[in-house]
Amino acid sequence: MLSPQLLEILRVYWRLTKPGRWLFPRRDGRGPIHPQTLGIACRAACEFLGVEKRVTVHTLRHSFATHLLEAGTDIRIIQVLLGHRSLATTTLYAQVSTAVIGRTASPFDHLHLEITPSG
């Protein structure tokens, strides 16, 4: 899922760097960057920002799913966006925060019952 804002950033990057075959090439240009390079960049960014919690690129994937779920996106749509075959896998990715649980209204809050004493 590529936002219009990120797409524009990538277009500017493409125009400025003209990377050739690979959008993010290795330093020698003979292939794409190694997946570990993303992890190294993620750790460097966390260190720079003072984030002490362990964050990985995979953590960002979990966060993406969780933020979509908390924004009201249907879990089946999240499943498609993450490319999961099983909805069970998606439910492992998308965690519900206690704040969201606390804001959830009980169906019993909408009952209109009159209680009258018997007798």
N, C-alpha and C. Protein backbone atom coordinates (compact mmCIF):
# COMPACT_ATOMS: atom_id res chain seq x y z
N MET A 1 0.86 -1.16 0.00
CA MET A 1 0.00 0.00 0.00
C MET A 1 0.91 1.22 0.00
N LEU A 2 0.93 1.90 -1.09
CA LEU A 2 1.82 3.05 -1.26
C LEU A 2 0.98 4.33 -1.24
N SER A 3 1.23 5.17 -0.25
CA SER A 3 0.47 6.41 -0.14
C SER A 3 0.90 7.38 -1.25
N PRO A 4 0.01 8.29 -1.64
CA PRO A 4 0.38 9.29 -2.65
C PRO A 4 1.61 10.11 -2.22
N GLN A 5 1.73 10.42 -0.94
CA GLN A 5 2.87 11.19 -0.44
C GLN A 5 4.17 10.41 -0.62
N LEU A 6 4.17 9.13 -0.25
CA LEU A 6 5.37 8.32 -0.41
C LEU A 6 5.70 8.12 -1.88
N LEU A 7 4.68 7.95 -2.71
CA LEU A 7 4.92 7.81 -4.15
C LEU A 7 5.63 9.05 -4.70
N GLU A 8 5.21 10.22 -4.26
CA GLU A 8 5.85 11.46 -4.73
C GLU A 8 7.30 11.53 -4.26
N ILE A 9 7.56 11.13 -3.02
CA ILE A 9 8.93 11.11 -2.50
C ILE A 9 9.79 10.18 -3.34
N LEU A 10 9.25 9.01 -3.68
CA LEU A 10 10.01 8.05 -4.50
C LEU A 10 10.25 8.58 -5.91
N ARG A 11 9.28 9.31 -6.45
CA ARG A 11 9.47 9.90 -7.79
C ARG A 11 10.59 10.94 -7.78
N VAL A 12 10.62 11.77 -6.74
CA VAL A 12 11.69 12.76 -6.62
C VAL A 12 13.03 12.06 -6.47
N TYR A 13 13.08 11.03 -5.63
CA TYR A 13 14.31 10.24 -5.45
C TYR A 13 14.76 9.67 -6.79
N TRP A 14 13.83 9.13 -7.55
CA TRP A 14 14.15 8.53 -8.86
C TRP A 14 14.73 9.58 -9.80
N ARG A 15 14.09 10.75 -9.85
CA ARG A 15 14.56 11.82 -10.74
C ARG A 15 15.95 12.31 -10.34
N LEU A 16 16.20 12.42 -9.04
CA LEU A 16 17.48 12.94 -8.57
C LEU A 16 18.62 11.94 -8.67
N THR A 17 18.33 10.67 -8.41
CA THR A 17 19.42 9.68 -8.36
C THR A 17 19.54 8.84 -9.62
N LYS A 18 18.46 8.75 -10.40
CA LYS A 18 18.44 7.92 -11.60
C LYS A 18 19.12 6.57 -11.34
N PRO A 19 18.55 5.78 -10.42
CA PRO A 19 19.23 4.58 -9.96
C PRO A 19 19.38 3.46 -10.99
N GLY A 20 18.72 3.52 -12.12
CA GLY A 20 18.88 2.45 -13.11
C GLY A 20 17.92 1.30 -12.85
N ARG A 21 18.44 0.08 -12.93
CA ARG A 21 17.58 -1.10 -12.83
C ARG A 21 16.96 -1.27 -11.44
N TRP A 22 17.70 -0.95 -10.39
CA TRP A 22 17.23 -1.16 -9.03
C TRP A 22 16.87 0.18 -8.39
N LEU A 23 15.71 0.23 -7.76
CA LEU A 23 15.29 1.46 -7.08
C LEU A 23 16.25 1.79 -5.95
N PHE A 24 16.68 0.76 -5.21
CA PHE A 24 17.66 0.94 -4.14
C PHE A 24 18.82 -0.02 -4.39
N PRO A 25 19.79 0.43 -5.20
CA PRO A 25 20.90 -0.47 -5.58
C PRO A 25 21.97 -0.58 -4.49
N ARG A 26 22.76 -1.65 -4.60
CA ARG A 26 23.95 -1.78 -3.76
C ARG A 26 24.91 -0.66 -4.14
N ARG A 27 25.92 -0.46 -3.31
CA ARG A 27 26.90 0.61 -3.59
C ARG A 27 27.59 0.41 -4.94
N ASP A 28 27.84 -0.87 -5.29
CA ASP A 28 28.51 -1.13 -6.57
C ASP A 28 27.53 -1.14 -7.75
N GLY A 29 26.23 -1.01 -7.46
CA GLY A 29 25.23 -0.93 -8.52
C GLY A 29 24.90 -2.23 -9.21
N ARG A 30 25.46 -3.35 -8.75
CA ARG A 30 25.27 -4.62 -9.45
C ARG A 30 24.11 -5.45 -8.91
N GLY A 31 23.25 -4.85 -8.15
CA GLY A 31 22.10 -5.56 -7.61
C GLY A 31 21.38 -4.69 -6.60
N PRO A 32 20.26 -5.21 -6.08
CA PRO A 32 19.53 -4.45 -5.06
C PRO A 32 20.27 -4.49 -3.73
N ILE A 33 19.93 -3.57 -2.85
CA ILE A 33 20.55 -3.59 -1.53
C ILE A 33 20.18 -4.90 -0.83
N HIS A 34 21.04 -5.33 0.05
CA HIS A 34 20.80 -6.55 0.81
C HIS A 34 19.73 -6.26 1.87
N PRO A 35 18.83 -7.21 2.13
CA PRO A 35 17.79 -6.99 3.15
C PRO A 35 18.36 -6.57 4.51
N GLN A 36 19.54 -7.04 4.87
CA GLN A 36 20.13 -6.65 6.15
C GLN A 36 20.44 -5.16 6.21
N THR A 37 20.63 -4.55 5.05
CA THR A 37 20.91 -3.12 5.00
C THR A 37 19.74 -2.33 5.59
N LEU A 38 18.52 -2.80 5.35
CA LEU A 38 17.34 -2.14 5.92
C LEU A 38 17.35 -2.24 7.44
N GLY A 39 17.73 -3.41 7.95
CA GLY A 39 17.82 -3.59 9.39
C GLY A 39 18.85 -2.68 10.02
N ILE A 40 19.98 -2.55 9.35
CA ILE A 40 21.05 -1.67 9.84
C ILE A 40 20.56 -0.22 9.86
N ALA A 41 19.87 0.19 8.80
CA ALA A 41 19.34 1.55 8.73
C ALA A 41 18.28 1.78 9.81
N CYS A 42 17.46 0.78 10.06
CA CYS A 42 16.42 0.88 11.09
C CYS A 42 17.05 1.05 12.47
N ARG A 43 18.07 0.24 12.76
CA ARG A 43 18.76 0.35 14.06
C ARG A 43 19.44 1.71 14.21
N ALA A 44 20.04 2.20 13.13
CA ALA A 44 20.71 3.51 13.17
C ALA A 44 19.69 4.62 13.42
N ALA A 45 18.53 4.53 12.77
CA ALA A 45 17.49 5.54 12.96
C ALA A 45 16.98 5.53 14.40
N CYS A 46 16.78 4.33 14.95
CA CYS A 46 16.31 4.22 16.34
C CYS A 46 17.34 4.79 17.30
N GLU A 47 18.60 4.50 17.05
CA GLU A 47 19.67 5.02 17.91
C GLU A 47 19.71 6.54 17.83
N PHE A 48 19.60 7.07 16.62
CA PHE A 48 19.62 8.52 16.42
C PHE A 48 18.46 9.19 17.14
N LEU A 49 17.29 8.55 17.11
CA LEU A 49 16.08 9.11 17.73
C LEU A 49 15.97 8.82 19.22
N GLY A 50 16.87 7.98 19.72
CA GLY A 50 16.83 7.65 21.15
C GLY A 50 15.78 6.61 21.51
N VAL A 51 15.34 5.83 20.53
CA VAL A 51 14.36 4.78 20.79
C VAL A 51 15.09 3.60 21.41
N GLU A 52 14.69 3.25 22.63
CA GLU A 52 15.38 2.17 23.33
C GLU A 52 14.74 0.81 23.09
N LYS A 53 13.47 0.80 22.73
CA LYS A 53 12.78 -0.45 22.46
C LYS A 53 13.35 -1.08 21.19
N ARG A 54 13.43 -2.40 21.17
CA ARG A 54 13.95 -3.09 19.98
C ARG A 54 12.94 -2.94 18.84
N VAL A 55 13.38 -2.33 17.76
CA VAL A 55 12.54 -2.13 16.58
C VAL A 55 13.26 -2.72 15.38
N THR A 56 12.53 -3.51 14.60
CA THR A 56 13.07 -4.08 13.37
C THR A 56 12.17 -3.66 12.22
N VAL A 57 12.62 -3.94 11.02
CA VAL A 57 11.78 -3.66 9.85
C VAL A 57 10.49 -4.47 9.95
N HIS A 58 10.59 -5.68 10.49
CA HIS A 58 9.40 -6.52 10.66
C HIS A 58 8.44 -5.91 11.68
N THR A 59 8.97 -5.21 12.68
CA THR A 59 8.13 -4.51 13.65
C THR A 59 7.27 -3.48 12.94
N LEU A 60 7.82 -2.84 11.93
CA LEU A 60 7.07 -1.84 11.17
C LEU A 60 5.89 -2.48 10.45
N ARG A 61 6.07 -3.70 9.99
CA ARG A 61 4.98 -4.44 9.34
C ARG A 61 3.85 -4.71 10.34
N HIS A 62 4.22 -5.12 11.55
CA HIS A 62 3.22 -5.34 12.59
C HIS A 62 2.51 -4.03 12.94
N SER A 63 3.27 -2.95 13.04
CA SER A 63 2.70 -1.64 13.36
C SER A 63 1.73 -1.19 12.28
N PHE A 64 2.09 -1.41 11.03
CA PHE A 64 1.22 -1.07 9.89
C PHE A 64 -0.13 -1.76 10.06
N ALA A 65 -0.11 -3.05 10.34
CA ALA A 65 -1.35 -3.82 10.49
C ALA A 65 -2.15 -3.31 11.69
N THR A 66 -1.48 -3.06 12.79
CA THR A 66 -2.16 -2.61 14.00
C THR A 66 -2.80 -1.24 13.80
N HIS A 67 -2.08 -0.31 13.16
CA HIS A 67 -2.64 1.03 12.93
C HIS A 67 -3.84 0.97 11.99
N LEU A 68 -3.78 0.11 10.98
CA LEU A 68 -4.93 -0.04 10.09
C LEU A 68 -6.14 -0.56 10.86
N LEU A 69 -5.91 -1.58 11.70
CA LEU A 69 -7.00 -2.16 12.48
C LEU A 69 -7.60 -1.12 13.42
N GLU A 70 -6.75 -0.36 14.10
CA GLU A 70 -7.23 0.66 15.03
C GLU A 70 -7.95 1.80 14.32
N ALA A 71 -7.64 2.00 13.04
CA ALA A 71 -8.32 3.05 12.27
C ALA A 71 -9.65 2.55 11.69
N GLY A 72 -9.98 1.29 11.98
CA GLY A 72 -11.27 0.76 11.54
C GLY A 72 -11.24 -0.03 10.25
N THR A 73 -10.06 -0.32 9.72
CA THR A 73 -9.95 -1.11 8.50
C THR A 73 -10.36 -2.55 8.79
N ASP A 74 -11.18 -3.10 7.93
CA ASP A 74 -11.62 -4.49 8.09
C ASP A 74 -10.42 -5.43 8.08
N ILE A 75 -10.42 -6.40 8.97
CA ILE A 75 -9.30 -7.33 9.10
C ILE A 75 -9.04 -8.10 7.81
N ARG A 76 -10.08 -8.35 7.01
CA ARG A 76 -9.88 -9.07 5.74
C ARG A 76 -9.13 -8.20 4.72
N ILE A 77 -9.34 -6.90 4.77
CA ILE A 77 -8.58 -6.00 3.90
C ILE A 77 -7.12 -5.98 4.32
N ILE A 78 -6.88 -5.95 5.62
CA ILE A 78 -5.51 -5.99 6.13
C ILE A 78 -4.84 -7.29 5.70
N GLN A 79 -5.59 -8.38 5.73
CA GLN A 79 -5.06 -9.68 5.28
C GLN A 79 -4.56 -9.59 3.84
N VAL A 80 -5.35 -8.98 2.98
CA VAL A 80 -4.96 -8.83 1.57
C VAL A 80 -3.73 -7.93 1.44
N LEU A 81 -3.72 -6.82 2.15
CA LEU A 81 -2.59 -5.89 2.06
C LEU A 81 -1.29 -6.52 2.53
N LEU A 82 -1.36 -7.40 3.53
CA LEU A 82 -0.16 -8.06 4.03
C LEU A 82 0.20 -9.30 3.21
N GLY A 83 -0.72 -9.72 2.34
CA GLY A 83 -0.44 -10.88 1.50
C GLY A 83 -0.54 -12.21 2.23
N HIS A 84 -1.35 -12.25 3.28
CA HIS A 84 -1.51 -13.49 4.04
C HIS A 84 -2.59 -14.38 3.43
N ARG A 85 -2.33 -15.66 3.37
CA ARG A 85 -3.35 -16.61 2.93
C ARG A 85 -4.36 -16.85 4.05
N SER A 86 -3.85 -16.89 5.26
CA SER A 86 -4.69 -17.23 6.41
C SER A 86 -5.01 -15.99 7.23
N LEU A 87 -6.28 -15.85 7.56
CA LEU A 87 -6.70 -14.75 8.42
C LEU A 87 -6.07 -14.89 9.81
N ALA A 88 -5.81 -16.12 10.22
CA ALA A 88 -5.18 -16.36 11.53
C ALA A 88 -3.81 -15.69 11.60
N THR A 89 -3.06 -15.73 10.51
CA THR A 89 -1.75 -15.08 10.48
C THR A 89 -1.91 -13.58 10.66
N THR A 90 -2.89 -13.00 9.99
CA THR A 90 -3.13 -11.56 10.08
C THR A 90 -3.48 -11.16 11.51
N THR A 91 -4.24 -11.99 12.20
CA THR A 91 -4.62 -11.64 13.57
C THR A 91 -3.40 -11.63 14.50
N LEU A 92 -2.36 -12.37 14.14
CA LEU A 92 -1.12 -12.32 14.92
C LEU A 92 -0.39 -11.00 14.70
N TYR A 93 -0.52 -10.45 13.50
CA TYR A 93 0.15 -9.20 13.15
C TYR A 93 -0.57 -7.99 13.75
N ALA A 94 -1.88 -7.98 13.63
CA ALA A 94 -2.66 -6.82 14.04
C ALA A 94 -3.10 -6.98 15.50
N GLN A 95 -2.43 -6.26 16.37
CA GLN A 95 -2.74 -6.32 17.81
C GLN A 95 -3.69 -5.19 18.18
N VAL A 96 -4.60 -5.48 19.07
CA VAL A 96 -5.55 -4.47 19.53
C VAL A 96 -5.04 -3.89 20.84
N SER A 97 -4.95 -2.57 20.89
CA SER A 97 -4.44 -1.93 22.10
C SER A 97 -5.50 -1.91 23.19
N THR A 98 -5.06 -1.82 24.42
CA THR A 98 -6.00 -1.75 25.54
C THR A 98 -6.84 -0.48 25.48
N ALA A 99 -6.29 0.59 24.90
CA ALA A 99 -7.06 1.83 24.76
C ALA A 99 -8.25 1.63 23.84
N VAL A 100 -8.05 0.90 22.75
CA VAL A 100 -9.15 0.62 21.82
C VAL A 100 -10.18 -0.27 22.49
N ILE A 101 -9.72 -1.26 23.22
CA ILE A 101 -10.64 -2.14 23.93
C ILE A 101 -11.47 -1.33 24.93
N GLY A 102 -10.82 -0.41 25.63
CA GLY A 102 -11.52 0.41 26.61
C GLY A 102 -12.55 1.34 25.99
N ARG A 103 -12.36 1.75 24.75
CA ARG A 103 -13.30 2.65 24.06
C ARG A 103 -14.45 1.91 23.41
N THR A 104 -14.39 0.59 23.42
CA THR A 104 -15.42 -0.20 22.77
C THR A 104 -16.69 -0.22 23.62
N ALA A 105 -17.79 0.16 23.00
CA ALA A 105 -19.06 0.19 23.72
C ALA A 105 -19.62 -1.22 23.85
N SER A 106 -20.21 -1.47 24.98
CA SER A 106 -20.86 -2.76 25.19
C SER A 106 -22.23 -2.73 24.52
N PRO A 107 -22.64 -3.82 23.89
CA PRO A 107 -23.99 -3.86 23.31
C PRO A 107 -25.06 -3.66 24.37
N PHE A 108 -24.74 -3.98 25.62
CA PHE A 108 -25.72 -3.82 26.70
C PHE A 108 -25.96 -2.35 27.02
N ASP A 109 -25.05 -1.47 26.61
CA ASP A 109 -25.25 -0.04 26.83
C ASP A 109 -26.42 0.50 26.02
N HIS A 110 -26.84 -0.24 25.02
CA HIS A 110 -27.91 0.24 24.14
C HIS A 110 -29.26 -0.39 24.46
N LEU A 111 -29.32 -1.18 25.50
CA LEU A 111 -30.59 -1.78 25.91
C LEU A 111 -31.41 -0.76 26.67
N HIS A 112 -32.67 -0.75 26.40
CA HIS A 112 -33.58 0.14 27.12
C HIS A 112 -34.58 -0.75 27.84
N LEU A 113 -34.22 -1.12 29.04
CA LEU A 113 -35.06 -2.02 29.83
C LEU A 113 -35.69 -1.26 30.98
N GLU A 114 -36.91 -1.61 31.25
CA GLU A 114 -37.55 -1.07 32.44
C GLU A 114 -37.57 -2.17 33.47
N ILE A 115 -37.08 -1.86 34.62
CA ILE A 115 -37.07 -2.84 35.69
C ILE A 115 -38.14 -2.45 36.69
N THR A 116 -39.08 -3.34 36.85
CA THR A 116 -40.16 -3.08 37.81
C THR A 116 -40.14 -4.17 38.87
N PRO A 117 -40.38 -3.78 40.10
CA PRO A 117 -40.39 -4.80 41.15
C PRO A 117 -41.56 -5.76 40.98
N SER A 118 -41.32 -6.99 41.26
CA SER A 118 -42.40 -7.98 41.16
C SER A 118 -43.18 -7.99 42.47
N GLY A 119 -44.41 -8.38 42.40
CA GLY A 119 -45.11 -8.51 43.66
C GLY A 119 -46.44 -8.01 43.64
